[in-house]
Amino acid sequence: MTYKEYITWNEEERCEVLDGKIISMAPSPIPEHQDISMQLSIEIGTYLRGKTCKTFAAPIDVYLFQDSNKKWIDENVRNWLIPDLIVVCDPNKIKQNKILGAPDFVVEIISPSSAKIDRLDKRLAYQRAGVKEYWIIDPANQIIEVYLLKGQTLELNNVYNRGDFVSVQVLESLTIDTTILFPERTGN
């Protein structure tokens, strides 16, 4: 799959591609996933109000390895992802309907079907692109894995549970209360 092929698709059809291989064409996320994404978007969006950095929730195509100074995408591009949530601090990377270049901060909210892709394939792509901070949120286990870029490697910095407070390293003084993301479960 190349960008040239992708732009011929209907706008409602979306996929993620790494090295020309489609890695995800998932159906709409479940409500729990959407709630976590919305709550995190509210927290980060409120913090960023009036600042240079901007946050975006899926769906938005991110062309990790593209030069943000170019006005077009090479039609042979074979890598793009649709992260659940991103923060971009370089306004030049923000284009009309896409992001060109690596975001500063990426969040993926995993499901059983996406766990391997998010923990391995996407993490390595984000690492190669130079993403500074990467969170994997696991709703089923109510944990957040925080990876930070050290040199050329996204290293696991810490794992947080429900009730913990997580500092967003790339956004000075922003801390997320995990109870906002993981409400208390009640028996059914």
N, C-alpha and C. Protein backbone atom coordinates (compact mmCIF):
# COMPACT_ATOMS: atom_id res chain seq x y z
N MET A 1 0.85 -1.18 0.00
CA MET A 1 0.00 0.00 0.00
C MET A 1 0.89 1.24 0.00
N THR A 2 0.58 2.18 -0.85
CA THR A 2 1.28 3.46 -0.89
C THR A 2 0.27 4.59 -0.68
N TYR A 3 0.78 5.77 -0.42
CA TYR A 3 -0.07 6.94 -0.27
C TYR A 3 -0.88 7.18 -1.54
N LYS A 4 -0.27 6.95 -2.69
CA LYS A 4 -0.96 7.14 -3.97
C LYS A 4 -2.23 6.28 -4.03
N GLU A 5 -2.15 5.05 -3.54
CA GLU A 5 -3.32 4.17 -3.52
C GLU A 5 -4.32 4.63 -2.45
N TYR A 6 -3.80 5.02 -1.29
CA TYR A 6 -4.65 5.39 -0.15
C TYR A 6 -5.53 6.59 -0.47
N ILE A 7 -5.00 7.59 -1.18
CA ILE A 7 -5.79 8.80 -1.45
C ILE A 7 -6.93 8.55 -2.44
N THR A 8 -6.95 7.38 -3.06
CA THR A 8 -8.07 7.04 -3.95
C THR A 8 -9.24 6.44 -3.17
N TRP A 9 -9.04 6.12 -1.90
CA TRP A 9 -10.08 5.51 -1.07
C TRP A 9 -11.14 6.54 -0.70
N ASN A 10 -12.31 6.05 -0.33
CA ASN A 10 -13.38 6.87 0.20
C ASN A 10 -12.89 7.49 1.52
N GLU A 11 -13.27 8.72 1.82
CA GLU A 11 -12.80 9.41 3.03
C GLU A 11 -13.15 8.68 4.33
N GLU A 12 -14.22 7.90 4.34
CA GLU A 12 -14.60 7.17 5.54
C GLU A 12 -13.75 5.92 5.76
N GLU A 13 -13.07 5.47 4.73
CA GLU A 13 -12.21 4.28 4.85
C GLU A 13 -10.83 4.71 5.30
N ARG A 14 -10.36 4.10 6.39
CA ARG A 14 -9.07 4.49 6.94
C ARG A 14 -8.28 3.23 7.26
N CYS A 15 -6.96 3.35 7.15
CA CYS A 15 -6.10 2.24 7.55
C CYS A 15 -4.77 2.79 8.03
N GLU A 16 -4.02 1.94 8.71
CA GLU A 16 -2.68 2.28 9.15
C GLU A 16 -1.72 1.37 8.38
N VAL A 17 -0.59 1.94 7.97
CA VAL A 17 0.35 1.22 7.12
C VAL A 17 1.77 1.42 7.64
N LEU A 18 2.51 0.32 7.78
CA LEU A 18 3.94 0.38 8.11
C LEU A 18 4.68 -0.44 7.07
N ASP A 19 5.69 0.18 6.47
CA ASP A 19 6.49 -0.45 5.43
C ASP A 19 5.63 -1.03 4.32
N GLY A 20 4.56 -0.32 3.97
CA GLY A 20 3.69 -0.73 2.88
C GLY A 20 2.67 -1.79 3.21
N LYS A 21 2.68 -2.27 4.45
CA LYS A 21 1.77 -3.34 4.86
C LYS A 21 0.66 -2.76 5.73
N ILE A 22 -0.60 -3.05 5.38
CA ILE A 22 -1.71 -2.59 6.20
C ILE A 22 -1.66 -3.34 7.53
N ILE A 23 -1.57 -2.58 8.63
CA ILE A 23 -1.50 -3.22 9.95
C ILE A 23 -2.81 -3.09 10.72
N SER A 24 -3.69 -2.19 10.28
CA SER A 24 -4.94 -2.02 11.01
C SER A 24 -6.00 -1.39 10.14
N MET A 25 -7.16 -1.99 10.15
CA MET A 25 -8.37 -1.42 9.54
C MET A 25 -9.49 -1.71 10.51
N ALA A 26 -9.30 -1.29 11.74
CA ALA A 26 -10.19 -1.65 12.83
C ALA A 26 -11.55 -0.97 12.70
N PRO A 27 -12.59 -1.62 13.21
CA PRO A 27 -13.91 -0.98 13.28
C PRO A 27 -13.88 0.12 14.34
N SER A 28 -14.97 0.81 14.49
CA SER A 28 -15.06 1.88 15.50
C SER A 28 -14.74 1.33 16.88
N PRO A 29 -14.05 2.12 17.70
CA PRO A 29 -13.70 1.68 19.05
C PRO A 29 -14.92 1.55 19.95
N ILE A 30 -14.73 0.76 21.02
CA ILE A 30 -15.81 0.56 21.99
C ILE A 30 -15.96 1.81 22.87
N PRO A 31 -17.11 1.97 23.54
CA PRO A 31 -17.33 3.16 24.37
C PRO A 31 -16.24 3.40 25.43
N GLU A 32 -15.73 2.35 26.08
CA GLU A 32 -14.68 2.54 27.09
C GLU A 32 -13.45 3.21 26.49
N HIS A 33 -13.07 2.76 25.32
CA HIS A 33 -11.93 3.35 24.59
C HIS A 33 -12.20 4.82 24.30
N GLN A 34 -13.39 5.11 23.79
CA GLN A 34 -13.75 6.49 23.45
C GLN A 34 -13.80 7.38 24.68
N ASP A 35 -14.28 6.85 25.79
CA ASP A 35 -14.35 7.63 27.03
C ASP A 35 -12.94 8.00 27.51
N ILE A 36 -12.02 7.05 27.48
CA ILE A 36 -10.64 7.33 27.90
C ILE A 36 -10.04 8.40 26.98
N SER A 37 -10.23 8.23 25.68
CA SER A 37 -9.70 9.20 24.72
C SER A 37 -10.28 10.59 24.97
N MET A 38 -11.57 10.66 25.20
CA MET A 38 -12.23 11.95 25.43
C MET A 38 -11.73 12.61 26.72
N GLN A 39 -11.65 11.84 27.81
CA GLN A 39 -11.20 12.41 29.08
C GLN A 39 -9.76 12.93 28.98
N LEU A 40 -8.90 12.14 28.33
CA LEU A 40 -7.51 12.56 28.17
C LEU A 40 -7.42 13.79 27.25
N SER A 41 -8.23 13.82 26.20
CA SER A 41 -8.27 14.98 25.30
C SER A 41 -8.68 16.24 26.05
N ILE A 42 -9.67 16.10 26.91
CA ILE A 42 -10.13 17.26 27.70
C ILE A 42 -9.00 17.76 28.60
N GLU A 43 -8.35 16.85 29.32
CA GLU A 43 -7.26 17.24 30.24
C GLU A 43 -6.12 17.93 29.49
N ILE A 44 -5.67 17.30 28.41
CA ILE A 44 -4.53 17.86 27.67
C ILE A 44 -4.95 19.12 26.91
N GLY A 45 -6.12 19.10 26.29
CA GLY A 45 -6.59 20.26 25.55
C GLY A 45 -6.75 21.49 26.43
N THR A 46 -7.28 21.29 27.64
CA THR A 46 -7.43 22.40 28.59
C THR A 46 -6.07 22.96 28.97
N TYR A 47 -5.12 22.07 29.25
CA TYR A 47 -3.77 22.50 29.62
C TYR A 47 -3.12 23.29 28.48
N LEU A 48 -3.34 22.86 27.23
CA LEU A 48 -2.68 23.48 26.07
C LEU A 48 -3.37 24.74 25.55
N ARG A 49 -4.53 25.06 26.08
CA ARG A 49 -5.25 26.23 25.59
C ARG A 49 -4.34 27.46 25.64
N GLY A 50 -4.20 28.12 24.49
CA GLY A 50 -3.37 29.32 24.40
C GLY A 50 -1.88 29.06 24.22
N LYS A 51 -1.49 27.78 24.15
CA LYS A 51 -0.07 27.43 23.97
C LYS A 51 0.20 27.01 22.52
N THR A 52 1.46 26.91 22.17
CA THR A 52 1.86 26.53 20.82
C THR A 52 1.52 25.08 20.50
N CYS A 53 1.73 24.18 21.44
CA CYS A 53 1.45 22.76 21.20
C CYS A 53 -0.05 22.56 21.04
N LYS A 54 -0.41 21.61 20.19
CA LYS A 54 -1.82 21.27 19.94
C LYS A 54 -2.02 19.78 20.12
N THR A 55 -3.22 19.40 20.59
CA THR A 55 -3.55 17.99 20.73
C THR A 55 -4.61 17.62 19.71
N PHE A 56 -4.52 16.39 19.20
CA PHE A 56 -5.47 15.87 18.22
C PHE A 56 -5.84 14.45 18.60
N ALA A 57 -7.14 14.15 18.52
CA ALA A 57 -7.62 12.80 18.75
C ALA A 57 -7.94 12.16 17.41
N ALA A 58 -7.88 10.85 17.37
CA ALA A 58 -8.16 10.10 16.15
C ALA A 58 -9.57 10.43 15.65
N PRO A 59 -9.75 10.39 14.35
CA PRO A 59 -8.78 9.98 13.34
C PRO A 59 -8.05 11.16 12.72
N ILE A 60 -6.72 11.08 12.69
CA ILE A 60 -5.89 12.00 11.91
C ILE A 60 -4.68 11.20 11.44
N ASP A 61 -4.39 11.29 10.17
CA ASP A 61 -3.25 10.55 9.61
C ASP A 61 -1.95 11.24 10.00
N VAL A 62 -1.01 10.42 10.49
CA VAL A 62 0.31 10.92 10.89
C VAL A 62 1.35 10.24 10.01
N TYR A 63 2.03 11.04 9.22
CA TYR A 63 3.09 10.56 8.33
C TYR A 63 4.42 10.80 9.06
N LEU A 64 4.80 9.81 9.86
CA LEU A 64 5.92 9.92 10.79
C LEU A 64 7.23 10.37 10.17
N PHE A 65 7.50 9.89 8.96
CA PHE A 65 8.83 10.09 8.38
C PHE A 65 8.85 11.14 7.28
N GLN A 66 7.82 11.97 7.22
CA GLN A 66 7.73 13.00 6.19
C GLN A 66 8.33 14.31 6.68
N ASP A 67 8.94 15.04 5.78
CA ASP A 67 9.52 16.34 6.06
C ASP A 67 8.39 17.36 6.16
N SER A 68 8.26 18.01 7.30
CA SER A 68 7.17 18.96 7.51
C SER A 68 7.32 20.23 6.67
N ASN A 69 8.49 20.45 6.09
CA ASN A 69 8.69 21.64 5.26
C ASN A 69 8.17 21.47 3.84
N LYS A 70 7.88 20.23 3.45
CA LYS A 70 7.35 19.99 2.10
C LYS A 70 5.86 20.32 2.08
N LYS A 71 5.38 20.73 0.94
CA LYS A 71 3.97 21.09 0.79
C LYS A 71 3.14 19.91 0.31
N TRP A 72 3.76 18.80 0.00
CA TRP A 72 3.05 17.62 -0.49
C TRP A 72 3.67 16.36 0.09
N ILE A 73 2.95 15.26 -0.06
CA ILE A 73 3.45 13.97 0.39
C ILE A 73 3.88 13.18 -0.83
N ASP A 74 5.05 12.60 -0.77
CA ASP A 74 5.53 11.73 -1.83
C ASP A 74 4.52 10.61 -2.03
N GLU A 75 4.09 10.39 -3.25
CA GLU A 75 3.05 9.39 -3.51
C GLU A 75 3.50 7.96 -3.21
N ASN A 76 4.80 7.75 -3.03
CA ASN A 76 5.31 6.42 -2.71
C ASN A 76 5.47 6.16 -1.22
N VAL A 77 5.02 7.10 -0.39
CA VAL A 77 5.09 6.92 1.06
C VAL A 77 4.40 5.62 1.44
N ARG A 78 5.05 4.87 2.33
CA ARG A 78 4.52 3.55 2.73
C ARG A 78 4.39 3.42 4.24
N ASN A 79 4.32 4.57 4.95
CA ASN A 79 4.19 4.56 6.41
C ASN A 79 3.28 5.70 6.87
N TRP A 80 2.17 5.33 7.49
CA TRP A 80 1.34 6.31 8.19
C TRP A 80 0.52 5.59 9.25
N LEU A 81 0.25 6.32 10.31
CA LEU A 81 -0.50 5.75 11.43
C LEU A 81 -1.62 6.72 11.82
N ILE A 82 -2.57 6.19 12.58
CA ILE A 82 -3.67 7.00 13.10
C ILE A 82 -3.70 6.76 14.62
N PRO A 83 -2.82 7.46 15.36
CA PRO A 83 -2.78 7.27 16.82
C PRO A 83 -4.09 7.72 17.46
N ASP A 84 -4.34 7.21 18.66
CA ASP A 84 -5.57 7.60 19.36
C ASP A 84 -5.52 9.05 19.81
N LEU A 85 -4.34 9.53 20.19
CA LEU A 85 -4.20 10.91 20.62
C LEU A 85 -2.74 11.33 20.43
N ILE A 86 -2.54 12.55 19.98
CA ILE A 86 -1.18 13.06 19.80
C ILE A 86 -1.09 14.50 20.29
N VAL A 87 0.15 14.91 20.58
CA VAL A 87 0.46 16.31 20.84
C VAL A 87 1.58 16.68 19.89
N VAL A 88 1.38 17.79 19.17
CA VAL A 88 2.36 18.29 18.22
C VAL A 88 2.73 19.70 18.65
N CYS A 89 4.04 19.94 18.87
CA CYS A 89 4.49 21.26 19.33
C CYS A 89 5.11 22.11 18.21
N ASP A 90 5.35 21.52 17.05
CA ASP A 90 5.88 22.25 15.91
C ASP A 90 4.73 22.56 14.95
N PRO A 91 4.29 23.82 14.88
CA PRO A 91 3.15 24.16 14.03
C PRO A 91 3.37 23.82 12.55
N ASN A 92 4.62 23.75 12.10
CA ASN A 92 4.90 23.41 10.70
C ASN A 92 4.49 21.99 10.35
N LYS A 93 4.36 21.12 11.34
CA LYS A 93 3.97 19.72 11.09
C LYS A 93 2.46 19.56 10.89
N ILE A 94 1.70 20.58 11.28
CA ILE A 94 0.24 20.50 11.23
C ILE A 94 -0.24 21.03 9.87
N LYS A 95 -0.78 20.12 9.08
CA LYS A 95 -1.30 20.47 7.76
C LYS A 95 -2.82 20.38 7.78
N GLN A 96 -3.47 20.64 6.67
CA GLN A 96 -4.93 20.72 6.63
C GLN A 96 -5.62 19.47 7.17
N ASN A 97 -5.20 18.30 6.75
CA ASN A 97 -5.88 17.08 7.19
C ASN A 97 -4.91 15.98 7.57
N LYS A 98 -3.71 16.38 7.99
CA LYS A 98 -2.70 15.39 8.34
C LYS A 98 -1.58 16.03 9.16
N ILE A 99 -0.74 15.17 9.71
CA ILE A 99 0.46 15.62 10.42
C ILE A 99 1.66 15.07 9.66
N LEU A 100 2.59 15.95 9.33
CA LEU A 100 3.81 15.53 8.64
C LEU A 100 4.98 15.58 9.61
N GLY A 101 5.51 14.42 9.96
CA GLY A 101 6.61 14.32 10.91
C GLY A 101 6.11 13.76 12.23
N ALA A 102 7.05 13.48 13.10
CA ALA A 102 6.74 12.83 14.38
C ALA A 102 6.09 13.79 15.36
N PRO A 103 4.98 13.37 15.99
CA PRO A 103 4.43 14.16 17.10
C PRO A 103 5.40 14.10 18.29
N ASP A 104 5.23 15.00 19.23
CA ASP A 104 6.06 14.98 20.43
C ASP A 104 5.60 13.91 21.41
N PHE A 105 4.28 13.69 21.43
CA PHE A 105 3.65 12.79 22.40
C PHE A 105 2.58 11.98 21.68
N VAL A 106 2.58 10.67 21.90
CA VAL A 106 1.60 9.79 21.26
C VAL A 106 0.96 8.90 22.32
N VAL A 107 -0.35 8.70 22.21
CA VAL A 107 -1.09 7.79 23.09
C VAL A 107 -1.82 6.77 22.22
N GLU A 108 -1.68 5.51 22.57
CA GLU A 108 -2.47 4.44 21.97
C GLU A 108 -3.24 3.77 23.10
N ILE A 109 -4.54 3.56 22.88
CA ILE A 109 -5.40 2.87 23.83
C ILE A 109 -5.62 1.48 23.25
N ILE A 110 -5.09 0.48 23.94
CA ILE A 110 -5.06 -0.85 23.34
C ILE A 110 -6.33 -1.66 23.62
N SER A 111 -6.52 -2.62 22.75
CA SER A 111 -7.55 -3.64 22.93
C SER A 111 -6.82 -4.97 22.75
N PRO A 112 -7.45 -6.09 23.10
CA PRO A 112 -6.76 -7.37 22.91
C PRO A 112 -6.27 -7.58 21.47
N SER A 113 -7.03 -7.08 20.49
CA SER A 113 -6.63 -7.29 19.10
C SER A 113 -5.51 -6.35 18.64
N SER A 114 -5.28 -5.24 19.35
CA SER A 114 -4.26 -4.28 18.92
C SER A 114 -3.00 -4.29 19.80
N ALA A 115 -2.99 -5.05 20.89
CA ALA A 115 -1.90 -4.99 21.87
C ALA A 115 -0.53 -5.24 21.25
N LYS A 116 -0.37 -6.29 20.46
CA LYS A 116 0.94 -6.60 19.87
C LYS A 116 1.39 -5.48 18.92
N ILE A 117 0.47 -5.02 18.10
CA ILE A 117 0.81 -3.95 17.14
C ILE A 117 1.24 -2.69 17.88
N ASP A 118 0.49 -2.30 18.93
CA ASP A 118 0.80 -1.07 19.67
C ASP A 118 2.09 -1.20 20.47
N ARG A 119 2.31 -2.36 21.08
CA ARG A 119 3.49 -2.54 21.93
C ARG A 119 4.76 -2.79 21.14
N LEU A 120 4.64 -3.35 19.96
CA LEU A 120 5.85 -3.69 19.20
C LEU A 120 5.97 -2.85 17.93
N ASP A 121 5.11 -3.10 16.95
CA ASP A 121 5.25 -2.46 15.64
C ASP A 121 5.18 -0.93 15.72
N LYS A 122 4.14 -0.42 16.36
CA LYS A 122 3.99 1.03 16.44
C LYS A 122 5.06 1.65 17.34
N ARG A 123 5.35 1.00 18.46
CA ARG A 123 6.38 1.55 19.36
C ARG A 123 7.71 1.69 18.62
N LEU A 124 8.08 0.69 17.84
CA LEU A 124 9.34 0.77 17.09
C LEU A 124 9.29 1.85 16.01
N ALA A 125 8.13 2.02 15.37
CA ALA A 125 7.99 3.09 14.37
C ALA A 125 8.07 4.46 15.05
N TYR A 126 7.40 4.62 16.19
CA TYR A 126 7.46 5.89 16.91
C TYR A 126 8.90 6.17 17.37
N GLN A 127 9.58 5.15 17.81
CA GLN A 127 10.98 5.27 18.23
C GLN A 127 11.85 5.74 17.07
N ARG A 128 11.70 5.08 15.93
CA ARG A 128 12.51 5.41 14.74
C ARG A 128 12.23 6.84 14.28
N ALA A 129 10.99 7.30 14.44
CA ALA A 129 10.61 8.65 14.02
C ALA A 129 11.06 9.73 15.01
N GLY A 130 11.37 9.33 16.26
CA GLY A 130 11.81 10.31 17.26
C GLY A 130 10.72 10.86 18.14
N VAL A 131 9.60 10.12 18.31
CA VAL A 131 8.56 10.54 19.25
C VAL A 131 9.19 10.58 20.64
N LYS A 132 8.99 11.67 21.37
CA LYS A 132 9.65 11.85 22.66
C LYS A 132 8.99 11.08 23.81
N GLU A 133 7.66 10.92 23.74
CA GLU A 133 6.94 10.25 24.81
C GLU A 133 5.80 9.45 24.21
N TYR A 134 5.66 8.21 24.67
CA TYR A 134 4.65 7.30 24.14
C TYR A 134 3.95 6.61 25.30
N TRP A 135 2.62 6.72 25.34
CA TRP A 135 1.84 6.05 26.36
C TRP A 135 1.02 4.94 25.72
N ILE A 136 1.00 3.80 26.37
CA ILE A 136 0.10 2.72 26.00
C ILE A 136 -0.88 2.58 27.17
N ILE A 137 -2.14 2.84 26.88
CA ILE A 137 -3.18 2.74 27.90
C ILE A 137 -3.93 1.43 27.70
N ASP A 138 -3.97 0.64 28.77
CA ASP A 138 -4.62 -0.67 28.75
C ASP A 138 -5.87 -0.59 29.63
N PRO A 139 -7.05 -0.38 29.02
CA PRO A 139 -8.29 -0.24 29.81
C PRO A 139 -8.64 -1.51 30.58
N ALA A 140 -8.40 -2.67 30.01
CA ALA A 140 -8.80 -3.92 30.67
C ALA A 140 -8.08 -4.10 32.00
N ASN A 141 -6.80 -3.73 32.04
CA ASN A 141 -6.00 -3.88 33.26
C ASN A 141 -5.84 -2.57 34.02
N GLN A 142 -6.42 -1.50 33.50
CA GLN A 142 -6.36 -0.16 34.10
C GLN A 142 -4.92 0.26 34.42
N ILE A 143 -4.07 0.17 33.39
CA ILE A 143 -2.67 0.60 33.54
C ILE A 143 -2.26 1.49 32.37
N ILE A 144 -1.24 2.29 32.63
CA ILE A 144 -0.62 3.13 31.60
C ILE A 144 0.86 2.83 31.61
N GLU A 145 1.38 2.42 30.47
CA GLU A 145 2.82 2.21 30.29
C GLU A 145 3.37 3.49 29.68
N VAL A 146 4.38 4.08 30.30
CA VAL A 146 4.97 5.32 29.80
C VAL A 146 6.37 5.02 29.27
N TYR A 147 6.57 5.33 27.99
CA TYR A 147 7.87 5.16 27.34
C TYR A 147 8.43 6.54 27.04
N LEU A 148 9.72 6.73 27.33
CA LEU A 148 10.39 8.00 27.05
C LEU A 148 11.57 7.75 26.13
N LEU A 149 11.80 8.68 25.20
CA LEU A 149 12.91 8.56 24.27
C LEU A 149 14.21 8.89 24.98
N LYS A 150 15.09 7.91 25.05
CA LYS A 150 16.44 8.08 25.64
C LYS A 150 17.42 7.78 24.51
N GLY A 151 18.07 8.81 24.02
CA GLY A 151 18.94 8.63 22.85
C GLY A 151 18.06 8.28 21.66
N GLN A 152 18.22 7.07 21.15
CA GLN A 152 17.45 6.61 19.99
C GLN A 152 16.41 5.55 20.37
N THR A 153 16.18 5.33 21.68
CA THR A 153 15.33 4.24 22.12
C THR A 153 14.18 4.74 22.99
N LEU A 154 12.97 4.27 22.67
CA LEU A 154 11.82 4.52 23.55
C LEU A 154 11.87 3.48 24.64
N GLU A 155 12.27 3.89 25.84
CA GLU A 155 12.43 2.97 26.96
C GLU A 155 11.25 3.07 27.91
N LEU A 156 10.84 1.92 28.45
CA LEU A 156 9.78 1.91 29.44
C LEU A 156 10.27 2.66 30.68
N ASN A 157 9.59 3.75 31.00
CA ASN A 157 9.97 4.58 32.14
C ASN A 157 9.25 4.12 33.41
N ASN A 158 7.94 3.80 33.27
CA ASN A 158 7.16 3.39 34.43
C ASN A 158 5.82 2.84 33.97
N VAL A 159 5.18 2.09 34.86
CA VAL A 159 3.83 1.59 34.64
C VAL A 159 2.97 2.13 35.78
N TYR A 160 1.85 2.74 35.43
CA TYR A 160 0.98 3.37 36.42
C TYR A 160 -0.35 2.64 36.48
N ASN A 161 -0.92 2.58 37.67
CA ASN A 161 -2.20 1.92 37.92
C ASN A 161 -3.28 2.95 38.22
N ARG A 162 -4.51 2.47 38.27
CA ARG A 162 -5.62 3.33 38.67
C ARG A 162 -5.31 3.91 40.05
N GLY A 163 -5.50 5.21 40.20
CA GLY A 163 -5.21 5.88 41.47
C GLY A 163 -3.88 6.61 41.47
N ASP A 164 -3.03 6.32 40.48
CA ASP A 164 -1.74 7.01 40.37
C ASP A 164 -1.91 8.34 39.62
N PHE A 165 -0.92 9.20 39.77
CA PHE A 165 -0.84 10.44 39.02
C PHE A 165 0.34 10.32 38.06
N VAL A 166 0.10 10.63 36.78
CA VAL A 166 1.12 10.45 35.74
C VAL A 166 1.51 11.82 35.19
N SER A 167 2.79 12.14 35.29
CA SER A 167 3.29 13.39 34.71
C SER A 167 3.54 13.20 33.22
N VAL A 168 3.07 14.15 32.43
CA VAL A 168 3.38 14.16 31.00
C VAL A 168 4.73 14.86 30.87
N GLN A 169 5.75 14.11 30.54
CA GLN A 169 7.11 14.64 30.54
C GLN A 169 7.33 15.75 29.52
N VAL A 170 6.68 15.65 28.34
CA VAL A 170 6.91 16.66 27.30
C VAL A 170 6.09 17.93 27.53
N LEU A 171 5.17 17.90 28.50
CA LEU A 171 4.36 19.07 28.82
C LEU A 171 4.58 19.43 30.28
N GLU A 172 5.42 20.41 30.50
CA GLU A 172 5.84 20.79 31.84
C GLU A 172 4.64 21.06 32.76
N SER A 173 4.65 20.44 33.87
CA SER A 173 3.69 20.60 34.97
C SER A 173 2.29 20.03 34.69
N LEU A 174 2.13 19.22 33.65
CA LEU A 174 0.84 18.57 33.44
C LEU A 174 0.88 17.17 34.04
N THR A 175 -0.05 16.91 34.95
CA THR A 175 -0.17 15.60 35.58
C THR A 175 -1.59 15.10 35.39
N ILE A 176 -1.72 13.83 35.04
CA ILE A 176 -3.02 13.22 34.79
C ILE A 176 -3.36 12.28 35.95
N ASP A 177 -4.54 12.48 36.52
CA ASP A 177 -5.07 11.61 37.57
C ASP A 177 -5.70 10.41 36.87
N THR A 178 -5.18 9.22 37.08
CA THR A 178 -5.67 8.04 36.37
C THR A 178 -7.11 7.68 36.72
N THR A 179 -7.61 8.17 37.84
CA THR A 179 -9.01 7.85 38.17
C THR A 179 -9.98 8.54 37.20
N ILE A 180 -9.52 9.58 36.53
CA ILE A 180 -10.33 10.23 35.49
C ILE A 180 -10.45 9.29 34.28
N LEU A 181 -9.38 8.58 33.99
CA LEU A 181 -9.36 7.69 32.83
C LEU A 181 -9.98 6.33 33.13
N PHE A 182 -9.80 5.88 34.38
CA PHE A 182 -10.28 4.56 34.79
C PHE A 182 -11.28 4.72 35.93
N PRO A 183 -12.54 4.94 35.62
CA PRO A 183 -13.51 5.06 36.71
C PRO A 183 -13.62 3.76 37.49
N GLU A 184 -14.06 3.88 38.72
CA GLU A 184 -14.19 2.70 39.56
C GLU A 184 -15.19 1.72 38.93
N ARG A 185 -14.78 0.48 38.90
CA ARG A 185 -15.66 -0.55 38.31
C ARG A 185 -16.66 -1.03 39.33
N THR A 186 -17.87 -1.24 38.87
CA THR A 186 -18.90 -1.78 39.74
C THR A 186 -19.31 -3.15 39.21
N GLY A 187 -19.73 -4.01 40.08
CA GLY A 187 -20.15 -5.35 39.67
C GLY A 187 -21.47 -5.29 38.92
N ASN A 188 -21.61 -6.19 37.94
CA ASN A 188 -22.84 -6.24 37.13
C ASN A 188 -23.64 -7.46 37.49
